[in-house]
Amino acid sequence: MSANDTIDPTRRDFLYVATGMAGVVGAGAVAWPFIDQMRPDASTLAASSVEVDVSSLTPGMSLTVKWRGKPVAIRNRTEKEMKEAEAVSLSDLKDPLARNANLASDAPATDANRTVPGKEAWMVMVQVCTHLGCIPLGEQGEYGGWFCPCHGSAYDTAGRIRKGPAPENMAIPVFSFISDTSIRIG
């Protein structure tokens, strides 16, 4: 056989290709139920985001909602709380990163980077101690923010770790204001 010869497809070649394709389709049909069962169910998808009405929260009030099985604190901070948080020097912080899912991962932990522009009074964060996953108490502790009585971690009014064994600031989830009185988390 030379390079100029052409190969004539035969009925046998067609049957090989057709049988191979039928095998691929059959394997896909058998595998599909296993692949499909790995998708999250409807209740999980529904819990991926939550809308919260915050119209009743006046300055100084907090609300805790459940999102993805975790408590999320929503606090309408007072002017005093915001000024105290803004006055904190980054060198005084144990964790210099904002831990805000709405910003770059290396954003500094300034008070402004822990909130959203135009809504600086509002703190929205996962209310879980970053030491061992305890639930800190709100409006407690030396810094007037959150206090974890289990091991003594104290967070300020911006949710930044200030004292105790916790290594990181409390996390800020992805959230946005969908109106002046509604927040979507997730």
N, C-alpha and C. Protein backbone atom coordinates (compact mmCIF):
# COMPACT_ATOMS: atom_id res chain seq x y z
N MET A 1 0.84 -1.17 0.00
CA MET A 1 0.00 0.00 0.00
C MET A 1 0.90 1.24 0.00
N SER A 2 0.64 2.17 -0.92
CA SER A 2 1.45 3.38 -1.02
C SER A 2 0.67 4.57 -0.48
N ALA A 3 1.35 5.70 -0.40
CA ALA A 3 0.75 6.92 0.15
C ALA A 3 -0.35 7.46 -0.76
N ASN A 4 -0.34 7.10 -2.03
CA ASN A 4 -1.35 7.61 -2.96
C ASN A 4 -2.63 6.77 -2.99
N ASP A 5 -2.57 5.61 -2.35
CA ASP A 5 -3.75 4.75 -2.33
C ASP A 5 -4.79 5.33 -1.38
N THR A 6 -6.03 5.15 -1.72
CA THR A 6 -7.12 5.59 -0.84
C THR A 6 -7.75 4.36 -0.22
N ILE A 7 -8.26 4.56 0.97
CA ILE A 7 -8.91 3.46 1.67
C ILE A 7 -10.39 3.59 1.42
N ASP A 8 -10.97 2.52 0.97
CA ASP A 8 -12.39 2.50 0.67
C ASP A 8 -13.14 2.06 1.92
N PRO A 9 -14.01 2.93 2.46
CA PRO A 9 -14.76 2.50 3.66
C PRO A 9 -15.70 1.35 3.30
N THR A 10 -15.78 0.43 4.17
CA THR A 10 -16.64 -0.73 3.93
C THR A 10 -17.78 -0.73 4.93
N ARG A 11 -18.67 -1.66 4.71
CA ARG A 11 -19.80 -1.78 5.61
C ARG A 11 -19.31 -2.15 7.01
N ARG A 12 -18.26 -2.93 7.09
CA ARG A 12 -17.70 -3.33 8.38
C ARG A 12 -17.19 -2.11 9.15
N ASP A 13 -16.51 -1.16 8.47
CA ASP A 13 -16.05 0.07 9.12
C ASP A 13 -17.22 0.85 9.70
N PHE A 14 -18.30 0.95 8.91
CA PHE A 14 -19.49 1.65 9.38
C PHE A 14 -20.05 0.99 10.63
N LEU A 15 -20.09 -0.34 10.64
CA LEU A 15 -20.62 -1.06 11.80
C LEU A 15 -19.74 -0.84 13.03
N TYR A 16 -18.44 -0.80 12.86
CA TYR A 16 -17.54 -0.52 13.99
C TYR A 16 -17.82 0.86 14.59
N VAL A 17 -17.93 1.85 13.74
CA VAL A 17 -18.20 3.22 14.19
C VAL A 17 -19.57 3.31 14.85
N ALA A 18 -20.57 2.72 14.23
CA ALA A 18 -21.94 2.77 14.78
C ALA A 18 -22.01 2.05 16.12
N THR A 19 -21.33 0.92 16.24
CA THR A 19 -21.32 0.17 17.51
C THR A 19 -20.61 0.98 18.59
N GLY A 20 -19.50 1.61 18.23
CA GLY A 20 -18.77 2.46 19.20
C GLY A 20 -19.62 3.61 19.69
N MET A 21 -20.33 4.26 18.77
CA MET A 21 -21.19 5.39 19.16
C MET A 21 -22.34 4.91 20.04
N ALA A 22 -22.91 3.77 19.74
CA ALA A 22 -23.99 3.22 20.57
C ALA A 22 -23.45 2.91 21.97
N GLY A 23 -22.23 2.43 22.06
CA GLY A 23 -21.61 2.17 23.36
C GLY A 23 -21.41 3.45 24.17
N VAL A 24 -20.98 4.52 23.50
CA VAL A 24 -20.79 5.80 24.17
C VAL A 24 -22.13 6.33 24.69
N VAL A 25 -23.16 6.29 23.86
CA VAL A 25 -24.49 6.75 24.27
C VAL A 25 -25.00 5.89 25.43
N GLY A 26 -24.80 4.58 25.37
CA GLY A 26 -25.23 3.69 26.45
C GLY A 26 -24.51 3.98 27.75
N ALA A 27 -23.19 4.21 27.67
CA ALA A 27 -22.42 4.54 28.88
C ALA A 27 -22.89 5.85 29.49
N GLY A 28 -23.19 6.83 28.62
CA GLY A 28 -23.71 8.11 29.10
C GLY A 28 -25.06 7.94 29.78
N ALA A 29 -25.91 7.10 29.21
CA ALA A 29 -27.23 6.85 29.80
C ALA A 29 -27.12 6.17 31.15
N VAL A 30 -26.16 5.28 31.30
CA VAL A 30 -25.95 4.60 32.58
C VAL A 30 -25.34 5.56 33.60
N ALA A 31 -24.42 6.42 33.17
CA ALA A 31 -23.73 7.33 34.10
C ALA A 31 -24.57 8.52 34.51
N TRP A 32 -25.54 8.93 33.70
CA TRP A 32 -26.29 10.15 33.97
C TRP A 32 -26.98 10.16 35.35
N PRO A 33 -27.65 9.11 35.78
CA PRO A 33 -28.27 9.16 37.12
C PRO A 33 -27.26 9.41 38.24
N PHE A 34 -26.06 8.86 38.10
CA PHE A 34 -25.04 9.08 39.12
C PHE A 34 -24.54 10.51 39.11
N ILE A 35 -24.37 11.08 37.94
CA ILE A 35 -23.93 12.47 37.82
C ILE A 35 -25.03 13.41 38.30
N ASP A 36 -26.28 13.13 37.90
CA ASP A 36 -27.40 14.00 38.26
C ASP A 36 -27.65 14.04 39.76
N GLN A 37 -27.41 12.96 40.47
CA GLN A 37 -27.67 12.94 41.91
C GLN A 37 -26.66 13.80 42.68
N MET A 38 -25.58 14.24 42.06
CA MET A 38 -24.60 15.08 42.72
C MET A 38 -25.00 16.56 42.75
N ARG A 39 -26.01 16.94 41.99
CA ARG A 39 -26.46 18.33 42.00
C ARG A 39 -27.10 18.65 43.34
N PRO A 40 -26.99 19.90 43.82
CA PRO A 40 -27.66 20.25 45.08
C PRO A 40 -29.17 20.23 44.89
N ASP A 41 -29.87 19.86 45.95
CA ASP A 41 -31.33 19.81 45.84
C ASP A 41 -31.92 21.22 45.97
N ALA A 42 -33.22 21.33 45.80
CA ALA A 42 -33.89 22.62 45.77
C ALA A 42 -33.75 23.39 47.08
N SER A 43 -33.77 22.68 48.21
CA SER A 43 -33.66 23.38 49.50
C SER A 43 -32.27 23.99 49.68
N THR A 44 -31.25 23.32 49.15
CA THR A 44 -29.90 23.87 49.22
C THR A 44 -29.78 25.10 48.34
N LEU A 45 -30.32 25.03 47.14
CA LEU A 45 -30.27 26.19 46.25
C LEU A 45 -31.03 27.37 46.83
N ALA A 46 -32.16 27.10 47.49
CA ALA A 46 -32.94 28.17 48.09
C ALA A 46 -32.18 28.83 49.22
N ALA A 47 -31.36 28.07 49.93
CA ALA A 47 -30.60 28.61 51.05
C ALA A 47 -29.34 29.33 50.62
N SER A 48 -29.02 29.32 49.33
CA SER A 48 -27.79 29.95 48.88
C SER A 48 -27.85 31.47 48.96
N SER A 49 -29.04 32.02 48.96
CA SER A 49 -29.17 33.46 49.19
C SER A 49 -30.44 33.70 49.98
N VAL A 50 -30.41 34.78 50.73
CA VAL A 50 -31.55 35.14 51.56
C VAL A 50 -31.73 36.65 51.51
N GLU A 51 -32.97 37.09 51.44
CA GLU A 51 -33.27 38.52 51.46
C GLU A 51 -33.82 38.87 52.83
N VAL A 52 -33.31 39.97 53.39
CA VAL A 52 -33.67 40.37 54.74
C VAL A 52 -34.20 41.80 54.72
N ASP A 53 -35.36 41.99 55.33
CA ASP A 53 -35.93 43.33 55.49
C ASP A 53 -35.32 43.95 56.74
N VAL A 54 -34.62 45.06 56.58
CA VAL A 54 -33.95 45.71 57.71
C VAL A 54 -34.60 47.06 58.05
N SER A 55 -35.80 47.28 57.57
CA SER A 55 -36.47 48.57 57.78
C SER A 55 -36.73 48.87 59.25
N SER A 56 -36.85 47.85 60.09
CA SER A 56 -37.15 48.07 61.51
C SER A 56 -35.90 48.29 62.36
N LEU A 57 -34.71 48.15 61.78
CA LEU A 57 -33.47 48.30 62.55
C LEU A 57 -33.03 49.76 62.61
N THR A 58 -33.21 50.36 63.75
CA THR A 58 -32.74 51.73 63.96
C THR A 58 -31.28 51.65 64.41
N PRO A 59 -30.54 52.76 64.36
CA PRO A 59 -29.14 52.72 64.80
C PRO A 59 -29.00 52.15 66.21
N GLY A 60 -28.07 51.20 66.33
CA GLY A 60 -27.84 50.54 67.61
C GLY A 60 -28.54 49.19 67.72
N MET A 61 -29.33 48.83 66.73
CA MET A 61 -30.06 47.55 66.76
C MET A 61 -29.38 46.52 65.86
N SER A 62 -29.57 45.25 66.24
CA SER A 62 -29.00 44.13 65.48
C SER A 62 -30.07 43.10 65.18
N LEU A 63 -29.78 42.30 64.19
CA LEU A 63 -30.66 41.21 63.80
C LEU A 63 -29.76 40.06 63.38
N THR A 64 -30.11 38.84 63.77
CA THR A 64 -29.35 37.68 63.36
C THR A 64 -30.24 36.82 62.48
N VAL A 65 -29.74 36.47 61.30
CA VAL A 65 -30.46 35.61 60.37
C VAL A 65 -29.61 34.38 60.10
N LYS A 66 -30.24 33.34 59.59
CA LYS A 66 -29.51 32.12 59.26
C LYS A 66 -29.29 32.09 57.75
N TRP A 67 -28.03 31.87 57.37
CA TRP A 67 -27.66 31.78 55.96
C TRP A 67 -26.66 30.63 55.82
N ARG A 68 -26.97 29.68 54.96
CA ARG A 68 -26.11 28.50 54.75
C ARG A 68 -25.79 27.79 56.06
N GLY A 69 -26.75 27.80 56.97
CA GLY A 69 -26.59 27.11 58.25
C GLY A 69 -25.78 27.87 59.28
N LYS A 70 -25.41 29.10 58.98
CA LYS A 70 -24.60 29.89 59.91
C LYS A 70 -25.36 31.15 60.30
N PRO A 71 -25.12 31.65 61.52
CA PRO A 71 -25.75 32.91 61.90
C PRO A 71 -25.02 34.09 61.24
N VAL A 72 -25.79 35.01 60.71
CA VAL A 72 -25.23 36.22 60.12
C VAL A 72 -25.79 37.40 60.90
N ALA A 73 -24.89 38.21 61.47
CA ALA A 73 -25.30 39.38 62.22
C ALA A 73 -25.44 40.56 61.28
N ILE A 74 -26.56 41.26 61.39
CA ILE A 74 -26.78 42.50 60.64
C ILE A 74 -26.97 43.58 61.69
N ARG A 75 -26.10 44.56 61.69
CA ARG A 75 -26.15 45.60 62.71
C ARG A 75 -26.16 46.97 62.06
N ASN A 76 -27.07 47.80 62.51
CA ASN A 76 -27.12 49.21 62.11
C ASN A 76 -26.35 49.97 63.19
N ARG A 77 -25.11 50.29 62.90
CA ARG A 77 -24.23 50.89 63.91
C ARG A 77 -24.57 52.35 64.17
N THR A 78 -24.26 52.78 65.37
CA THR A 78 -24.47 54.17 65.75
C THR A 78 -23.28 55.00 65.24
N GLU A 79 -23.44 56.31 65.25
CA GLU A 79 -22.34 57.21 64.86
C GLU A 79 -21.12 56.97 65.74
N LYS A 80 -21.35 56.78 67.03
CA LYS A 80 -20.25 56.55 67.98
C LYS A 80 -19.49 55.28 67.61
N GLU A 81 -20.21 54.21 67.31
CA GLU A 81 -19.57 52.94 66.94
C GLU A 81 -18.75 53.09 65.66
N MET A 82 -19.28 53.81 64.69
CA MET A 82 -18.54 54.01 63.43
C MET A 82 -17.29 54.83 63.66
N LYS A 83 -17.37 55.90 64.45
CA LYS A 83 -16.20 56.74 64.73
C LYS A 83 -15.13 55.96 65.47
N GLU A 84 -15.53 55.15 66.44
CA GLU A 84 -14.56 54.33 67.18
C GLU A 84 -13.87 53.34 66.24
N ALA A 85 -14.62 52.73 65.34
CA ALA A 85 -14.05 51.76 64.41
C ALA A 85 -13.12 52.44 63.40
N GLU A 86 -13.49 53.62 62.93
CA GLU A 86 -12.65 54.35 61.98
C GLU A 86 -11.34 54.81 62.62
N ALA A 87 -11.36 55.07 63.93
CA ALA A 87 -10.18 55.60 64.62
C ALA A 87 -9.11 54.54 64.89
N VAL A 88 -9.44 53.28 64.72
CA VAL A 88 -8.50 52.19 65.00
C VAL A 88 -7.42 52.16 63.92
N SER A 89 -6.17 52.15 64.35
CA SER A 89 -5.04 52.06 63.44
C SER A 89 -4.87 50.61 63.00
N LEU A 90 -4.52 50.42 61.74
CA LEU A 90 -4.30 49.05 61.23
C LEU A 90 -3.21 48.33 62.00
N SER A 91 -2.25 49.06 62.54
CA SER A 91 -1.17 48.43 63.31
C SER A 91 -1.66 47.88 64.65
N ASP A 92 -2.84 48.34 65.11
CA ASP A 92 -3.41 47.83 66.35
C ASP A 92 -4.21 46.54 66.16
N LEU A 93 -4.41 46.15 64.90
CA LEU A 93 -5.24 44.98 64.61
C LEU A 93 -4.41 43.71 64.57
N LYS A 94 -4.99 42.65 65.08
CA LYS A 94 -4.34 41.34 65.07
C LYS A 94 -4.34 40.76 63.66
N ASP A 95 -5.43 40.98 62.91
CA ASP A 95 -5.56 40.51 61.53
C ASP A 95 -5.67 41.73 60.62
N PRO A 96 -4.70 41.96 59.75
CA PRO A 96 -4.72 43.17 58.91
C PRO A 96 -5.63 43.07 57.67
N LEU A 97 -6.27 41.90 57.43
CA LEU A 97 -7.08 41.72 56.22
C LEU A 97 -8.56 41.92 56.50
N ALA A 98 -9.27 42.49 55.53
CA ALA A 98 -10.69 42.81 55.69
C ALA A 98 -11.56 41.57 55.77
N ARG A 99 -11.18 40.48 55.11
CA ARG A 99 -11.98 39.24 55.08
C ARG A 99 -13.39 39.51 54.56
N ASN A 100 -13.47 40.38 53.56
CA ASN A 100 -14.75 40.78 52.97
C ASN A 100 -14.87 40.12 51.60
N ALA A 101 -15.84 39.22 51.45
CA ALA A 101 -16.02 38.49 50.19
C ALA A 101 -16.40 39.40 49.03
N ASN A 102 -16.76 40.64 49.32
CA ASN A 102 -17.12 41.60 48.28
C ASN A 102 -15.90 42.34 47.74
N LEU A 103 -14.73 42.15 48.36
CA LEU A 103 -13.50 42.85 47.98
C LEU A 103 -12.40 41.84 47.65
N ALA A 104 -11.27 42.36 47.18
CA ALA A 104 -10.10 41.52 46.93
C ALA A 104 -9.64 40.89 48.25
N SER A 105 -9.06 39.71 48.17
CA SER A 105 -8.66 38.98 49.38
C SER A 105 -7.57 39.68 50.18
N ASP A 106 -6.83 40.59 49.56
CA ASP A 106 -5.76 41.29 50.27
C ASP A 106 -6.15 42.70 50.72
N ALA A 107 -7.44 43.03 50.70
CA ALA A 107 -7.90 44.36 51.13
C ALA A 107 -7.62 44.54 52.62
N PRO A 108 -7.10 45.71 53.01
CA PRO A 108 -6.80 45.95 54.42
C PRO A 108 -8.08 46.05 55.26
N ALA A 109 -7.96 45.77 56.55
CA ALA A 109 -9.11 45.71 57.46
C ALA A 109 -9.53 47.08 57.98
N THR A 110 -9.61 48.06 57.10
CA THR A 110 -10.13 49.36 57.53
C THR A 110 -11.63 49.23 57.77
N ASP A 111 -12.18 50.16 58.53
CA ASP A 111 -13.62 50.13 58.78
C ASP A 111 -14.39 50.21 57.46
N ALA A 112 -13.92 51.05 56.54
CA ALA A 112 -14.59 51.22 55.25
C ALA A 112 -14.59 49.91 54.45
N ASN A 113 -13.53 49.11 54.55
CA ASN A 113 -13.46 47.85 53.82
C ASN A 113 -14.27 46.73 54.46
N ARG A 114 -14.81 46.98 55.63
CA ARG A 114 -15.66 45.99 56.29
C ARG A 114 -17.14 46.28 56.02
N THR A 115 -17.44 47.37 55.31
CA THR A 115 -18.82 47.75 54.99
C THR A 115 -18.92 47.94 53.47
N VAL A 116 -20.03 48.54 53.02
CA VAL A 116 -20.16 48.87 51.60
C VAL A 116 -20.30 50.38 51.45
N PRO A 117 -19.79 50.97 50.37
CA PRO A 117 -19.86 52.41 50.18
C PRO A 117 -21.31 52.92 50.20
N GLY A 118 -21.51 53.98 50.92
CA GLY A 118 -22.84 54.58 51.03
C GLY A 118 -23.69 53.97 52.12
N LYS A 119 -23.29 52.84 52.65
CA LYS A 119 -24.04 52.15 53.71
C LYS A 119 -23.08 51.78 54.85
N GLU A 120 -22.21 52.69 55.22
CA GLU A 120 -21.17 52.43 56.20
C GLU A 120 -21.70 52.08 57.58
N ALA A 121 -22.91 52.47 57.89
CA ALA A 121 -23.48 52.17 59.20
C ALA A 121 -23.83 50.69 59.34
N TRP A 122 -23.96 50.00 58.24
CA TRP A 122 -24.44 48.61 58.27
C TRP A 122 -23.28 47.62 58.28
N MET A 123 -23.26 46.76 59.30
CA MET A 123 -22.32 45.64 59.37
C MET A 123 -23.09 44.36 59.09
N VAL A 124 -22.61 43.59 58.14
CA VAL A 124 -23.20 42.29 57.81
C VAL A 124 -22.04 41.30 57.85
N MET A 125 -22.07 40.37 58.81
CA MET A 125 -20.97 39.42 58.91
C MET A 125 -21.41 38.10 59.51
N VAL A 126 -20.67 37.06 59.16
CA VAL A 126 -20.93 35.74 59.69
C VAL A 126 -20.51 35.77 61.16
N GLN A 127 -21.47 35.54 62.04
CA GLN A 127 -21.24 35.66 63.48
C GLN A 127 -20.71 34.36 64.05
N VAL A 128 -19.51 34.00 63.61
CA VAL A 128 -18.85 32.78 64.08
C VAL A 128 -17.43 33.16 64.47
N CYS A 129 -17.05 32.77 65.68
CA CYS A 129 -15.69 33.05 66.16
C CYS A 129 -14.70 32.30 65.29
N THR A 130 -13.65 32.98 64.89
CA THR A 130 -12.67 32.38 63.99
C THR A 130 -11.66 31.50 64.73
N HIS A 131 -11.83 31.36 66.04
CA HIS A 131 -10.93 30.49 66.80
C HIS A 131 -11.39 29.04 66.71
N LEU A 132 -12.58 28.75 67.25
CA LEU A 132 -13.06 27.37 67.22
C LEU A 132 -14.50 27.25 66.74
N GLY A 133 -15.03 28.30 66.12
CA GLY A 133 -16.37 28.23 65.55
C GLY A 133 -17.50 28.45 66.54
N CYS A 134 -17.22 29.06 67.67
CA CYS A 134 -18.27 29.38 68.65
C CYS A 134 -19.10 30.56 68.11
N ILE A 135 -20.19 30.87 68.80
CA ILE A 135 -21.04 31.99 68.41
C ILE A 135 -20.82 33.12 69.41
N PRO A 136 -20.13 34.19 69.02
CA PRO A 136 -19.88 35.30 69.94
C PRO A 136 -21.17 36.05 70.29
N LEU A 137 -21.16 36.66 71.45
CA LEU A 137 -22.28 37.47 71.92
C LEU A 137 -22.12 38.89 71.38
N GLY A 138 -23.20 39.46 70.91
CA GLY A 138 -23.16 40.82 70.36
C GLY A 138 -23.22 41.89 71.44
N GLU A 139 -22.64 43.05 71.10
CA GLU A 139 -22.60 44.21 72.00
C GLU A 139 -22.01 43.85 73.35
N GLN A 140 -20.94 43.09 73.32
CA GLN A 140 -20.28 42.61 74.54
C GLN A 140 -18.78 42.88 74.43
N GLY A 141 -18.12 42.72 75.52
CA GLY A 141 -16.66 42.77 75.53
C GLY A 141 -16.09 44.16 75.62
N GLU A 142 -14.81 44.17 75.69
CA GLU A 142 -14.02 45.37 75.90
C GLU A 142 -14.15 46.40 74.78
N TYR A 143 -14.45 45.95 73.57
CA TYR A 143 -14.51 46.86 72.43
C TYR A 143 -15.94 47.15 71.97
N GLY A 144 -16.92 46.66 72.71
CA GLY A 144 -18.32 46.96 72.42
C GLY A 144 -18.87 46.28 71.18
N GLY A 145 -18.15 45.32 70.65
CA GLY A 145 -18.60 44.62 69.45
C GLY A 145 -19.14 43.25 69.79
N TRP A 146 -18.33 42.22 69.57
CA TRP A 146 -18.73 40.85 69.84
C TRP A 146 -17.70 40.21 70.75
N PHE A 147 -18.18 39.34 71.62
CA PHE A 147 -17.30 38.69 72.59
C PHE A 147 -17.61 37.20 72.62
N CYS A 148 -16.58 36.38 72.49
CA CYS A 148 -16.74 34.93 72.54
C CYS A 148 -16.34 34.47 73.94
N PRO A 149 -17.31 34.12 74.78
CA PRO A 149 -17.00 33.75 76.16
C PRO A 149 -16.25 32.42 76.29
N CYS A 150 -16.25 31.61 75.26
CA CYS A 150 -15.59 30.30 75.33
C CYS A 150 -14.08 30.43 75.58
N HIS A 151 -13.44 31.33 74.86
CA HIS A 151 -11.98 31.47 74.97
C HIS A 151 -11.54 32.92 75.11
N GLY A 152 -12.48 33.85 75.21
CA GLY A 152 -12.14 35.24 75.48
C GLY A 152 -11.79 36.10 74.28
N SER A 153 -12.15 35.69 73.08
CA SER A 153 -11.86 36.53 71.91
C SER A 153 -12.81 37.72 71.89
N ALA A 154 -12.26 38.91 71.67
CA ALA A 154 -13.05 40.14 71.63
C ALA A 154 -12.90 40.79 70.27
N TYR A 155 -14.04 41.13 69.67
CA TYR A 155 -14.09 41.77 68.36
C TYR A 155 -14.64 43.18 68.54
N ASP A 156 -14.21 44.12 67.70
CA ASP A 156 -14.72 45.48 67.79
C ASP A 156 -16.03 45.61 67.03
N THR A 157 -16.53 46.84 66.91
CA THR A 157 -17.83 47.07 66.27
C THR A 157 -17.79 46.85 64.76
N ALA A 158 -16.61 46.62 64.21
CA ALA A 158 -16.48 46.28 62.79
C ALA A 158 -16.20 44.80 62.62
N GLY A 159 -16.27 44.02 63.70
CA GLY A 159 -16.05 42.58 63.63
C GLY A 159 -14.60 42.17 63.46
N ARG A 160 -13.69 43.07 63.81
CA ARG A 160 -12.26 42.76 63.70
C ARG A 160 -11.74 42.23 65.03
N ILE A 161 -10.94 41.18 64.98
CA ILE A 161 -10.40 40.58 66.20
C ILE A 161 -9.42 41.56 66.85
N ARG A 162 -9.63 41.80 68.13
CA ARG A 162 -8.77 42.76 68.84
C ARG A 162 -8.01 42.10 69.98
N LYS A 163 -8.59 41.03 70.54
CA LYS A 163 -7.97 40.40 71.71
C LYS A 163 -8.42 38.95 71.78
N GLY A 164 -7.54 38.09 72.26
CA GLY A 164 -7.90 36.68 72.43
C GLY A 164 -7.24 35.79 71.40
N PRO A 165 -7.56 34.50 71.44
CA PRO A 165 -6.88 33.54 70.57
C PRO A 165 -7.37 33.49 69.12
N ALA A 166 -8.49 34.11 68.81
CA ALA A 166 -8.99 34.04 67.43
C ALA A 166 -7.96 34.65 66.48
N PRO A 167 -7.67 33.96 65.37
CA PRO A 167 -6.62 34.44 64.46
C PRO A 167 -7.09 35.43 63.40
N GLU A 168 -8.40 35.45 63.08
CA GLU A 168 -8.88 36.27 61.97
C GLU A 168 -10.11 37.08 62.35
N ASN A 169 -10.35 38.12 61.56
CA ASN A 169 -11.57 38.90 61.68
C ASN A 169 -12.76 38.04 61.27
N MET A 170 -13.95 38.38 61.77
CA MET A 170 -15.14 37.64 61.34
C MET A 170 -15.37 37.92 59.85
N ALA A 171 -15.83 36.91 59.14
CA ALA A 171 -15.99 37.00 57.68
C ALA A 171 -17.20 37.83 57.28
N ILE A 172 -17.03 38.60 56.22
CA ILE A 172 -18.12 39.35 55.62
C ILE A 172 -18.58 38.55 54.40
N PRO A 173 -19.85 38.11 54.36
CA PRO A 173 -20.31 37.33 53.20
C PRO A 173 -20.60 38.24 52.01
N VAL A 174 -20.80 37.65 50.86
CA VAL A 174 -21.24 38.41 49.70
C VAL A 174 -22.64 38.92 50.02
N PHE A 175 -22.83 40.22 49.94
CA PHE A 175 -24.15 40.79 50.18
C PHE A 175 -24.29 42.09 49.41
N SER A 176 -25.54 42.51 49.22
CA SER A 176 -25.80 43.78 48.55
C SER A 176 -27.14 44.32 49.03
N PHE A 177 -27.28 45.62 48.95
CA PHE A 177 -28.55 46.26 49.26
C PHE A 177 -29.37 46.24 47.98
N ILE A 178 -30.52 45.58 48.01
CA ILE A 178 -31.37 45.55 46.84
C ILE A 178 -32.39 46.69 46.87
N SER A 179 -32.51 47.33 48.04
CA SER A 179 -33.26 48.56 48.21
C SER A 179 -32.74 49.21 49.49
N ASP A 180 -33.29 50.35 49.86
CA ASP A 180 -32.84 51.00 51.08
C ASP A 180 -33.18 50.21 52.33
N THR A 181 -34.12 49.29 52.22
CA THR A 181 -34.58 48.54 53.40
C THR A 181 -34.42 47.03 53.26
N SER A 182 -33.74 46.57 52.21
CA SER A 182 -33.59 45.13 51.98
C SER A 182 -32.15 44.79 51.61
N ILE A 183 -31.68 43.70 52.21
CA ILE A 183 -30.32 43.20 51.95
C ILE A 183 -30.44 41.78 51.40
N ARG A 184 -29.67 41.49 50.35
CA ARG A 184 -29.56 40.12 49.85
C ARG A 184 -28.19 39.58 50.25
N ILE A 185 -28.21 38.48 50.98
CA ILE A 185 -26.98 37.82 51.40
C ILE A 185 -26.82 36.59 50.54
N GLY A 186 -25.65 36.45 49.95
CA GLY A 186 -25.38 35.31 49.08
C GLY A 186 -25.48 35.63 47.62
